[in-house]
Amino acid sequence: MIKKCLFPAAGYGTRFLPATKAMPKEMLPVLTKPLIQYGVEEAISANMETMAIVTGRGKRAIEDHFDISYELEHQIKGTSKEHYLTEIRDVIENCTFSYTRQVEMKGLGHAILTGETLIGNEAFAVILADDLCDNIGSEGSVLTQMVELYNKYKCSIVAIEEIPKSDTNKYGVISGHEIEDGLYKIDDMVEKPDPKDAPSNLAIIGRYILTPDIFDIIKKTKPGKGGEIQITDALLEQAKNGMVLAYKFKGKRFDCGSVNGFVEATNYFFEKENLK
């Protein structure tokens, strides 16, 4: 059973400056809920109960959000506004939060390695909060779908989606052969390739399930694209020595690290709330 979910949340959020100058990008709200809370709720939906968060300087708001605010609760207790805290109270009561800091920004691979002390020697999930996902129909959340596959194959899994070939330079891109409907055994992965060099248009998005040997692989991984330690490079090494799967998930994903994606997500969830 996968019980821990890691949230790399130390990045600067430069695409949202100046809004993120003093506020973590993970705390940007879509409607009335910050991005990272959507991610935590997705992890809870997949029966995970320990949230391991890798933070950095200026990220105290994340810790404060997943804590009780006694003064605020006292002020609105018994009023018509009390119900606004119901969802976050449920989150706080249903899982445990632990934190560590990434002192230097050396890439996603390094951020995941920084979380090793919070994870230990067990398989775990990773959510990048600025990839906001919503399940459609009865399939369950993206992580729920991936956990079911992990229980069957017991190996690392990345979530993928088809993108325009012209956008491959923004993503890690995989190639592989399909072993089930929408499930690929990876034979190659490239970080942010030029469209002409991309092995496919199947891009990795911010959902992973990783086996614990990934930590030792990351430790031996040399800096790659942009001088950073890329999780893509570590996963390719893992694929060469065993098996890594890529899953074309069922659901809808918004790139809330971009202004366009953030606005699209806000409109989508606004319309969804109005349909209730």
C-alpha atoms as a PDB file:
ATOM      1  CA  MET A   1       0.000   0.000   0.000  1.00  0.00           C
ATOM      2  CA  ILE A   2       1.259   3.461  -0.889  1.00  0.00           C
ATOM      3  CA  LYS A   3       0.669   5.718   2.082  1.00  0.00           C
ATOM      4  CA  LYS A   4       2.972   8.702   1.464  1.00  0.00           C
ATOM      5  CA  CYS A   5       2.764  11.484  -1.095  1.00  0.00           C
ATOM      6  CA  LEU A   6       5.639  13.891  -1.736  1.00  0.00           C
ATOM      7  CA  PHE A   7       5.004  17.490  -2.778  1.00  0.00           C
ATOM      8  CA  PRO A   8       8.027  19.350  -4.193  1.00  0.00           C
ATOM      9  CA  ALA A   9       7.094  22.934  -3.327  1.00  0.00           C
ATOM     10  CA  ALA A  10      10.317  24.912  -3.157  1.00  0.00           C
ATOM     11  CA  GLY A  11      10.214  26.603  -6.568  1.00  0.00           C
ATOM     12  CA  TYR A  12      10.011  30.356  -7.031  1.00  0.00           C
ATOM     13  CA  GLY A  13       6.948  30.507  -9.287  1.00  0.00           C
ATOM     14  CA  THR A  14       8.600  33.081 -11.523  1.00  0.00           C
ATOM     15  CA  ARG A  15       5.903  32.858 -14.187  1.00  0.00           C
ATOM     16  CA  PHE A  16       3.488  34.426 -11.689  1.00  0.00           C
ATOM     17  CA  LEU A  17       5.625  37.313 -10.508  1.00  0.00           C
ATOM     18  CA  PRO A  18       4.922  39.660  -8.837  1.00  0.00           C
ATOM     19  CA  ALA A  19       2.065  37.661  -7.246  1.00  0.00           C
ATOM     20  CA  THR A  20       4.520  34.995  -6.060  1.00  0.00           C
ATOM     21  CA  LYS A  21       7.143  37.413  -4.726  1.00  0.00           C
ATOM     22  CA  ALA A  22       5.911  36.890  -1.162  1.00  0.00           C
ATOM     23  CA  MET A  23       3.335  34.094  -1.627  1.00  0.00           C
ATOM     24  CA  PRO A  24       4.126  30.492  -2.588  1.00  0.00           C
ATOM     25  CA  LYS A  25       2.798  29.600  -6.048  1.00  0.00           C
ATOM     26  CA  GLU A  26       1.298  26.475  -4.443  1.00  0.00           C
ATOM     27  CA  MET A  27      -0.978  28.787  -2.435  1.00  0.00           C
ATOM     28  CA  LEU A  28      -2.483  30.493  -5.480  1.00  0.00           C
ATOM     29  CA  PRO A  29      -6.248  29.923  -5.196  1.00  0.00           C
ATOM     30  CA  VAL A  30      -8.449  28.330  -7.811  1.00  0.00           C
ATOM     31  CA  LEU A  31     -11.788  29.651  -6.577  1.00  0.00           C
ATOM     32  CA  THR A  32     -11.479  29.479  -2.771  1.00  0.00           C
ATOM     33  CA  LYS A  33      -8.921  26.695  -2.461  1.00  0.00           C
ATOM     34  CA  PRO A  34      -5.129  26.842  -2.951  1.00  0.00           C
ATOM     35  CA  LEU A  35      -3.528  24.606  -5.556  1.00  0.00           C
ATOM     36  CA  ILE A  36      -1.709  22.481  -3.005  1.00  0.00           C
ATOM     37  CA  GLN A  37      -4.956  21.656  -1.184  1.00  0.00           C
ATOM     38  CA  TYR A  38      -6.393  20.220  -4.403  1.00  0.00           C
ATOM     39  CA  GLY A  39      -3.297  18.035  -4.601  1.00  0.00           C
ATOM     40  CA  VAL A  40      -3.550  16.881  -0.986  1.00  0.00           C
ATOM     41  CA  GLU A  41      -7.216  16.017  -1.477  1.00  0.00           C
ATOM     42  CA  GLU A  42      -6.274  13.956  -4.543  1.00  0.00           C
ATOM     43  CA  ALA A  43      -3.694  12.052  -2.477  1.00  0.00           C
ATOM     44  CA  ILE A  44      -6.293  11.419   0.240  1.00  0.00           C
ATOM     45  CA  SER A  45      -8.695  10.101  -2.413  1.00  0.00           C
ATOM     46  CA  ALA A  46      -6.026   7.489  -3.253  1.00  0.00           C
ATOM     47  CA  ASN A  47      -5.894   6.430   0.430  1.00  0.00           C
ATOM     48  CA  MET A  48      -2.653   8.209   1.250  1.00  0.00           C
ATOM     49  CA  GLU A  49      -2.366   9.577   4.746  1.00  0.00           C
ATOM     50  CA  THR A  50       1.123  11.118   5.047  1.00  0.00           C
ATOM     51  CA  MET A  51       1.903  14.278   3.083  1.00  0.00           C
ATOM     52  CA  ALA A  52       5.629  14.994   2.794  1.00  0.00           C
ATOM     53  CA  ILE A  53       6.270  18.545   1.601  1.00  0.00           C
ATOM     54  CA  VAL A  54       9.615  19.858   0.369  1.00  0.00           C
ATOM     55  CA  THR A  55       9.585  23.613   0.899  1.00  0.00           C
ATOM     56  CA  GLY A  56      12.023  26.508   0.682  1.00  0.00           C
ATOM     57  CA  ARG A  57      12.487  30.020   1.959  1.00  0.00           C
ATOM     58  CA  GLY A  58       9.284  32.060   2.034  1.00  0.00           C
ATOM     59  CA  LYS A  59       6.987  29.024   2.078  1.00  0.00           C
ATOM     60  CA  ARG A  60       5.699  29.203   5.648  1.00  0.00           C
ATOM     61  CA  ALA A  61       2.184  29.913   4.372  1.00  0.00           C
ATOM     62  CA  ILE A  62       1.915  26.255   3.279  1.00  0.00           C
ATOM     63  CA  GLU A  63       2.613  25.014   6.795  1.00  0.00           C
ATOM     64  CA  ASP A  64       0.220  27.565   8.282  1.00  0.00           C
ATOM     65  CA  HIS A  65      -2.534  26.537   5.852  1.00  0.00           C
ATOM     66  CA  PHE A  66      -2.414  22.905   6.983  1.00  0.00           C
ATOM     67  CA  ASP A  67      -2.613  23.862  10.639  1.00  0.00           C
ATOM     68  CA  ILE A  68      -5.397  25.005  12.944  1.00  0.00           C
ATOM     69  CA  SER A  69      -5.893  28.765  13.223  1.00  0.00           C
ATOM     70  CA  TYR A  70      -7.353  29.063  16.689  1.00  0.00           C
ATOM     71  CA  GLU A  71      -8.025  32.794  16.495  1.00  0.00           C
ATOM     72  CA  LEU A  72      -9.836  32.507  13.159  1.00  0.00           C
ATOM     73  CA  GLU A  73     -11.851  29.489  14.304  1.00  0.00           C
ATOM     74  CA  HIS A  74     -12.855  31.335  17.464  1.00  0.00           C
ATOM     75  CA  GLN A  75     -13.924  34.416  15.503  1.00  0.00           C
ATOM     76  CA  ILE A  76     -16.256  32.568  13.121  1.00  0.00           C
ATOM     77  CA  LYS A  77     -17.471  29.803  15.463  1.00  0.00           C
ATOM     78  CA  GLY A  78     -21.242  29.709  15.490  1.00  0.00           C
ATOM     79  CA  THR A  79     -21.569  32.111  12.551  1.00  0.00           C
ATOM     80  CA  SER A  80     -22.752  31.524   9.006  1.00  0.00           C
ATOM     81  CA  LYS A  81     -19.097  31.504   7.871  1.00  0.00           C
ATOM     82  CA  GLU A  82     -18.024  28.517   9.958  1.00  0.00           C
ATOM     83  CA  HIS A  83     -18.764  26.025   7.155  1.00  0.00           C
ATOM     84  CA  TYR A  84     -16.066  27.581   4.976  1.00  0.00           C
ATOM     85  CA  LEU A  85     -13.433  25.763   7.051  1.00  0.00           C
ATOM     86  CA  THR A  86     -15.109  22.337   6.866  1.00  0.00           C
ATOM     87  CA  GLU A  87     -13.024  21.048   3.951  1.00  0.00           C
ATOM     88  CA  ILE A  88      -9.651  22.103   5.320  1.00  0.00           C
ATOM     89  CA  ARG A  89     -10.530  20.779   8.788  1.00  0.00           C
ATOM     90  CA  ASP A  90     -11.274  17.387   7.220  1.00  0.00           C
ATOM     91  CA  VAL A  91      -7.921  17.457   5.426  1.00  0.00           C
ATOM     92  CA  ILE A  92      -6.016  18.302   8.627  1.00  0.00           C
ATOM     93  CA  GLU A  93      -7.822  15.582  10.575  1.00  0.00           C
ATOM     94  CA  ASN A  94      -7.365  12.844   7.943  1.00  0.00           C
ATOM     95  CA  CYS A  95      -3.648  13.039   7.293  1.00  0.00           C
ATOM     96  CA  THR A  96      -0.260  13.903   8.749  1.00  0.00           C
ATOM     97  CA  PHE A  97       2.043  16.586   7.354  1.00  0.00           C
ATOM     98  CA  SER A  98       5.821  16.605   7.501  1.00  0.00           C
ATOM     99  CA  TYR A  99       8.194  19.170   6.035  1.00  0.00           C
ATOM    100  CA  THR A 100      11.805  19.575   4.985  1.00  0.00           C
ATOM    101  CA  ARG A 101      13.614  22.359   3.122  1.00  0.00           C
ATOM    102  CA  GLN A 102      15.379  22.269  -0.211  1.00  0.00           C
ATOM    103  CA  VAL A 103      18.234  24.682   0.467  1.00  0.00           C
ATOM    104  CA  GLU A 104      19.362  24.967  -3.170  1.00  0.00           C
ATOM    105  CA  MET A 105      17.168  24.744  -6.259  1.00  0.00           C
ATOM    106  CA  LYS A 106      18.845  22.006  -8.291  1.00  0.00           C
ATOM    107  CA  GLY A 107      15.912  20.571 -10.212  1.00  0.00           C
ATOM    108  CA  LEU A 108      12.988  18.211  -9.620  1.00  0.00           C
ATOM    109  CA  GLY A 109      15.245  15.199  -9.154  1.00  0.00           C
ATOM    110  CA  HIS A 110      17.090  16.989  -6.367  1.00  0.00           C
ATOM    111  CA  ALA A 111      13.811  18.111  -4.779  1.00  0.00           C
ATOM    112  CA  ILE A 112      12.582  14.515  -4.695  1.00  0.00           C
ATOM    113  CA  LEU A 113      15.904  13.365  -3.218  1.00  0.00           C
ATOM    114  CA  THR A 114      15.569  16.053  -0.528  1.00  0.00           C
ATOM    115  CA  GLY A 115      12.343  14.337   0.530  1.00  0.00           C
ATOM    116  CA  GLU A 116      14.051  10.983   1.166  1.00  0.00           C
ATOM    117  CA  THR A 117      14.202  11.597   4.921  1.00  0.00           C
ATOM    118  CA  LEU A 118      10.422  12.064   4.973  1.00  0.00           C
ATOM    119  CA  ILE A 119       9.671   9.007   2.813  1.00  0.00           C
ATOM    120  CA  GLY A 120      12.058   6.280   3.926  1.00  0.00           C
ATOM    121  CA  ASN A 121      12.376   2.925   2.182  1.00  0.00           C
ATOM    122  CA  GLU A 122       8.939   2.559   0.609  1.00  0.00           C
ATOM    123  CA  ALA A 123       7.133   3.325  -2.628  1.00  0.00           C
ATOM    124  CA  PHE A 124       5.535   6.753  -2.715  1.00  0.00           C
ATOM    125  CA  ALA A 125       3.590   9.153  -4.898  1.00  0.00           C
ATOM    126  CA  VAL A 126       4.672  12.587  -6.122  1.00  0.00           C
ATOM    127  CA  ILE A 127       2.325  15.455  -6.959  1.00  0.00           C
ATOM    128  CA  LEU A 128       3.383  18.719  -8.564  1.00  0.00           C
ATOM    129  CA  ALA A 129       0.698  21.049  -7.271  1.00  0.00           C
ATOM    130  CA  ASP A 130       0.707  23.370 -10.269  1.00  0.00           C
ATOM    131  CA  ASP A 131      -0.526  20.479 -12.405  1.00  0.00           C
ATOM    132  CA  LEU A 132      -4.149  20.550 -11.265  1.00  0.00           C
ATOM    133  CA  CYS A 133      -6.068  17.411 -12.239  1.00  0.00           C
ATOM    134  CA  ASP A 134      -9.774  16.632 -12.111  1.00  0.00           C
ATOM    135  CA  ASN A 135     -11.301  13.210 -12.576  1.00  0.00           C
ATOM    136  CA  ILE A 136     -14.055  12.792 -15.122  1.00  0.00           C
ATOM    137  CA  GLY A 137     -16.760  10.145 -14.766  1.00  0.00           C
ATOM    138  CA  SER A 138     -16.248   7.158 -12.490  1.00  0.00           C
ATOM    139  CA  GLU A 139     -12.530   6.558 -13.049  1.00  0.00           C
ATOM    140  CA  GLY A 140     -11.397   8.144  -9.796  1.00  0.00           C
ATOM    141  CA  SER A 141      -8.537  10.591  -9.381  1.00  0.00           C
ATOM    142  CA  VAL A 142      -5.337  10.329 -11.417  1.00  0.00           C
ATOM    143  CA  LEU A 143      -3.450   9.005  -8.378  1.00  0.00           C
ATOM    144  CA  THR A 144      -6.192   6.465  -7.661  1.00  0.00           C
ATOM    145  CA  GLN A 145      -5.830   5.133 -11.202  1.00  0.00           C
ATOM    146  CA  MET A 146      -2.039   4.999 -10.861  1.00  0.00           C
ATOM    147  CA  VAL A 147      -2.147   3.215  -7.490  1.00  0.00           C
ATOM    148  CA  GLU A 148      -4.272   0.466  -9.039  1.00  0.00           C
ATOM    149  CA  LEU A 149      -1.606   0.012 -11.713  1.00  0.00           C
ATOM    150  CA  TYR A 150       1.180   0.038  -9.131  1.00  0.00           C
ATOM    151  CA  ASN A 151      -0.574  -2.699  -7.163  1.00  0.00           C
ATOM    152  CA  LYS A 152      -0.498  -4.805 -10.336  1.00  0.00           C
ATOM    153  CA  TYR A 153       3.010  -4.063 -11.682  1.00  0.00           C
ATOM    154  CA  LYS A 154       4.998  -2.942  -8.578  1.00  0.00           C
ATOM    155  CA  CYS A 155       7.214  -0.498 -10.475  1.00  0.00           C
ATOM    156  CA  SER A 156       7.608   3.250 -11.002  1.00  0.00           C
ATOM    157  CA  ILE A 157       4.853   4.888 -13.052  1.00  0.00           C
ATOM    158  CA  VAL A 158       4.578   8.350 -14.620  1.00  0.00           C
ATOM    159  CA  ALA A 159       1.394  10.002 -15.826  1.00  0.00           C
ATOM    160  CA  ILE A 160       1.430  11.169 -19.442  1.00  0.00           C
ATOM    161  CA  GLU A 161      -0.802  12.996 -21.887  1.00  0.00           C
ATOM    162  CA  GLU A 162      -0.652  13.800 -25.569  1.00  0.00           C
ATOM    163  CA  ILE A 163       0.553  17.309 -26.335  1.00  0.00           C
ATOM    164  CA  PRO A 164       1.117  19.270 -29.549  1.00  0.00           C
ATOM    165  CA  LYS A 165       4.512  18.275 -30.950  1.00  0.00           C
ATOM    166  CA  SER A 166       5.481  21.948 -30.916  1.00  0.00           C
ATOM    167  CA  ASP A 167       5.323  21.947 -27.076  1.00  0.00           C
ATOM    168  CA  THR A 168       7.748  19.090 -26.403  1.00  0.00           C
ATOM    169  CA  ASN A 169      10.446  21.552 -25.298  1.00  0.00           C
ATOM    170  CA  LYS A 170       8.376  22.242 -22.158  1.00  0.00           C
ATOM    171  CA  TYR A 171       8.094  18.646 -20.902  1.00  0.00           C
ATOM    172  CA  GLY A 172       9.818  15.357 -20.323  1.00  0.00           C
ATOM    173  CA  VAL A 173       8.797  13.165 -23.266  1.00  0.00           C
ATOM    174  CA  ILE A 174       8.671   9.354 -23.421  1.00  0.00           C
ATOM    175  CA  SER A 175       8.669   6.650 -26.015  1.00  0.00           C
ATOM    176  CA  GLY A 176       7.692   3.034 -25.433  1.00  0.00           C
ATOM    177  CA  HIS A 177       5.406   0.238 -26.485  1.00  0.00           C
ATOM    178  CA  GLU A 178       1.833  -0.175 -25.334  1.00  0.00           C
ATOM    179  CA  ILE A 179       1.251  -3.169 -23.058  1.00  0.00           C
ATOM    180  CA  GLU A 180      -2.330  -2.296 -22.088  1.00  0.00           C
ATOM    181  CA  ASP A 181      -4.787   0.297 -23.324  1.00  0.00           C
ATOM    182  CA  GLY A 182      -3.103   3.625 -22.504  1.00  0.00           C
ATOM    183  CA  LEU A 183      -0.221   1.975 -20.608  1.00  0.00           C
ATOM    184  CA  TYR A 184       3.310   2.034 -22.049  1.00  0.00           C
ATOM    185  CA  LYS A 185       6.551   0.306 -21.067  1.00  0.00           C
ATOM    186  CA  ILE A 186       9.118   3.075 -21.407  1.00  0.00           C
ATOM    187  CA  ASP A 187      12.233   2.567 -23.519  1.00  0.00           C
ATOM    188  CA  ASP A 188      13.324   6.211 -23.773  1.00  0.00           C
ATOM    189  CA  MET A 189      12.744   9.515 -21.976  1.00  0.00           C
ATOM    190  CA  VAL A 190      14.088  12.926 -22.950  1.00  0.00           C
ATOM    191  CA  GLU A 191      13.858  16.137 -20.906  1.00  0.00           C
ATOM    192  CA  LYS A 192      12.450  19.095 -22.877  1.00  0.00           C
ATOM    193  CA  PRO A 193      13.552  18.004 -26.362  1.00  0.00           C
ATOM    194  CA  ASP A 194      13.258  20.227 -29.411  1.00  0.00           C
ATOM    195  CA  PRO A 195      10.190  19.168 -31.435  1.00  0.00           C
ATOM    196  CA  LYS A 196      12.415  17.750 -34.187  1.00  0.00           C
ATOM    197  CA  ASP A 197      14.240  15.553 -31.646  1.00  0.00           C
ATOM    198  CA  ALA A 198      11.253  14.434 -29.567  1.00  0.00           C
ATOM    199  CA  PRO A 199      10.691  10.645 -29.511  1.00  0.00           C
ATOM    200  CA  SER A 200       6.891  11.143 -29.384  1.00  0.00           C
ATOM    201  CA  ASN A 201       4.246  13.635 -28.286  1.00  0.00           C
ATOM    202  CA  LEU A 202       3.596  11.806 -24.993  1.00  0.00           C
ATOM    203  CA  ALA A 203       4.553  14.221 -22.211  1.00  0.00           C
ATOM    204  CA  ILE A 204       5.083  13.510 -18.533  1.00  0.00           C
ATOM    205  CA  ILE A 205       2.844  15.558 -16.226  1.00  0.00           C
ATOM    206  CA  GLY A 206       3.119  16.147 -12.491  1.00  0.00           C
ATOM    207  CA  ARG A 207       1.998  12.760 -11.165  1.00  0.00           C
ATOM    208  CA  TYR A 208       4.424   9.962 -10.326  1.00  0.00           C
ATOM    209  CA  ILE A 209       4.590   6.779  -8.335  1.00  0.00           C
ATOM    210  CA  LEU A 210       8.196   5.933  -7.501  1.00  0.00           C
ATOM    211  CA  THR A 211       9.858   2.921  -5.942  1.00  0.00           C
ATOM    212  CA  PRO A 212      12.405   3.716  -3.206  1.00  0.00           C
ATOM    213  CA  ASP A 213      15.465   2.666  -5.243  1.00  0.00           C
ATOM    214  CA  ILE A 214      14.955   5.922  -7.166  1.00  0.00           C
ATOM    215  CA  PHE A 215      16.773   7.746  -4.354  1.00  0.00           C
ATOM    216  CA  ASP A 216      20.059   5.888  -4.913  1.00  0.00           C
ATOM    217  CA  ILE A 217      19.690   6.398  -8.670  1.00  0.00           C
ATOM    218  CA  ILE A 218      19.191  10.158  -8.229  1.00  0.00           C
ATOM    219  CA  LYS A 219      22.316  10.341  -6.047  1.00  0.00           C
ATOM    220  CA  LYS A 220      24.326   9.003  -9.005  1.00  0.00           C
ATOM    221  CA  THR A 221      22.555  11.120 -11.631  1.00  0.00           C
ATOM    222  CA  LYS A 222      24.643  13.937 -13.057  1.00  0.00           C
ATOM    223  CA  PRO A 223      23.112  17.353 -13.790  1.00  0.00           C
ATOM    224  CA  GLY A 224      21.383  17.367 -17.157  1.00  0.00           C
ATOM    225  CA  LYS A 225      19.208  19.873 -19.024  1.00  0.00           C
ATOM    226  CA  GLY A 226      19.659  23.369 -17.544  1.00  0.00           C
ATOM    227  CA  GLY A 227      22.381  22.140 -15.177  1.00  0.00           C
ATOM    228  CA  GLU A 228      19.708  20.570 -12.961  1.00  0.00           C
ATOM    229  CA  ILE A 229      19.305  17.028 -11.648  1.00  0.00           C
ATOM    230  CA  GLN A 230      16.396  15.777 -13.733  1.00  0.00           C
ATOM    231  CA  ILE A 231      14.016  13.091 -12.487  1.00  0.00           C
ATOM    232  CA  THR A 232      13.625  12.135 -16.169  1.00  0.00           C
ATOM    233  CA  ASP A 233      17.289  11.077 -16.324  1.00  0.00           C
ATOM    234  CA  ALA A 234      16.960   9.014 -13.136  1.00  0.00           C
ATOM    235  CA  LEU A 235      13.784   7.339 -14.370  1.00  0.00           C
ATOM    236  CA  LEU A 236      15.439   6.453 -17.680  1.00  0.00           C
ATOM    237  CA  GLU A 237      18.234   4.729 -15.769  1.00  0.00           C
ATOM    238  CA  GLN A 238      15.606   2.877 -13.738  1.00  0.00           C
ATOM    239  CA  ALA A 239      13.819   1.853 -16.949  1.00  0.00           C
ATOM    240  CA  LYS A 240      17.046   0.477 -18.444  1.00  0.00           C
ATOM    241  CA  ASN A 241      17.648  -1.703 -15.388  1.00  0.00           C
ATOM    242  CA  GLY A 242      14.056  -2.818 -14.841  1.00  0.00           C
ATOM    243  CA  MET A 243      10.682  -1.410 -15.806  1.00  0.00           C
ATOM    244  CA  VAL A 244       9.061   2.034 -15.711  1.00  0.00           C
ATOM    245  CA  LEU A 245       5.547   2.520 -17.007  1.00  0.00           C
ATOM    246  CA  ALA A 246       3.824   5.558 -18.491  1.00  0.00           C
ATOM    247  CA  TYR A 247       0.069   5.870 -18.070  1.00  0.00           C
ATOM    248  CA  LYS A 248      -2.200   7.960 -20.253  1.00  0.00           C
ATOM    249  CA  PHE A 249      -4.559   8.896 -17.432  1.00  0.00           C
ATOM    250  CA  LYS A 250      -8.289   9.452 -17.663  1.00  0.00           C
ATOM    251  CA  GLY A 251      -9.184  12.937 -16.494  1.00  0.00           C
ATOM    252  CA  LYS A 252      -8.536  16.610 -17.148  1.00  0.00           C
ATOM    253  CA  ARG A 253      -5.287  18.405 -16.361  1.00  0.00           C
ATOM    254  CA  PHE A 254      -4.541  22.132 -16.138  1.00  0.00           C
ATOM    255  CA  ASP A 255      -1.064  23.650 -16.220  1.00  0.00           C
ATOM    256  CA  CYS A 256      -1.592  26.136 -13.418  1.00  0.00           C
ATOM    257  CA  GLY A 257       2.058  27.107 -13.577  1.00  0.00           C
ATOM    258  CA  SER A 258       1.065  29.195 -16.592  1.00  0.00           C
ATOM    259  CA  VAL A 259      -1.348  32.124 -16.553  1.00  0.00           C
ATOM    260  CA  ASN A 260      -3.430  30.675 -19.381  1.00  0.00           C
ATOM    261  CA  GLY A 261      -3.774  27.318 -17.656  1.00  0.00           C
ATOM    262  CA  PHE A 262      -4.580  28.963 -14.336  1.00  0.00           C
ATOM    263  CA  VAL A 263      -7.382  31.028 -15.877  1.00  0.00           C
ATOM    264  CA  GLU A 264      -8.692  27.959 -17.718  1.00  0.00           C
ATOM    265  CA  ALA A 265      -8.775  25.973 -14.461  1.00  0.00           C
ATOM    266  CA  THR A 266     -10.545  28.793 -12.632  1.00  0.00           C
ATOM    267  CA  ASN A 267     -13.250  28.992 -15.298  1.00  0.00           C
ATOM    268  CA  TYR A 268     -13.609  25.193 -15.398  1.00  0.00           C
ATOM    269  CA  PHE A 269     -14.059  24.798 -11.638  1.00  0.00           C
ATOM    270  CA  PHE A 270     -16.355  27.820 -11.473  1.00  0.00           C
ATOM    271  CA  GLU A 271     -18.662  26.244 -14.030  1.00  0.00           C
ATOM    272  CA  LYS A 272     -18.422  22.880 -12.264  1.00  0.00           C
ATOM    273  CA  GLU A 273     -19.413  24.446  -8.934  1.00  0.00           C
ATOM    274  CA  ASN A 274     -22.364  26.207 -10.543  1.00  0.00           C
ATOM    275  CA  LEU A 275     -23.642  22.899 -11.924  1.00  0.00           C
ATOM    276  CA  LYS A 276     -23.892  21.366  -8.445  1.00  0.00           C
END
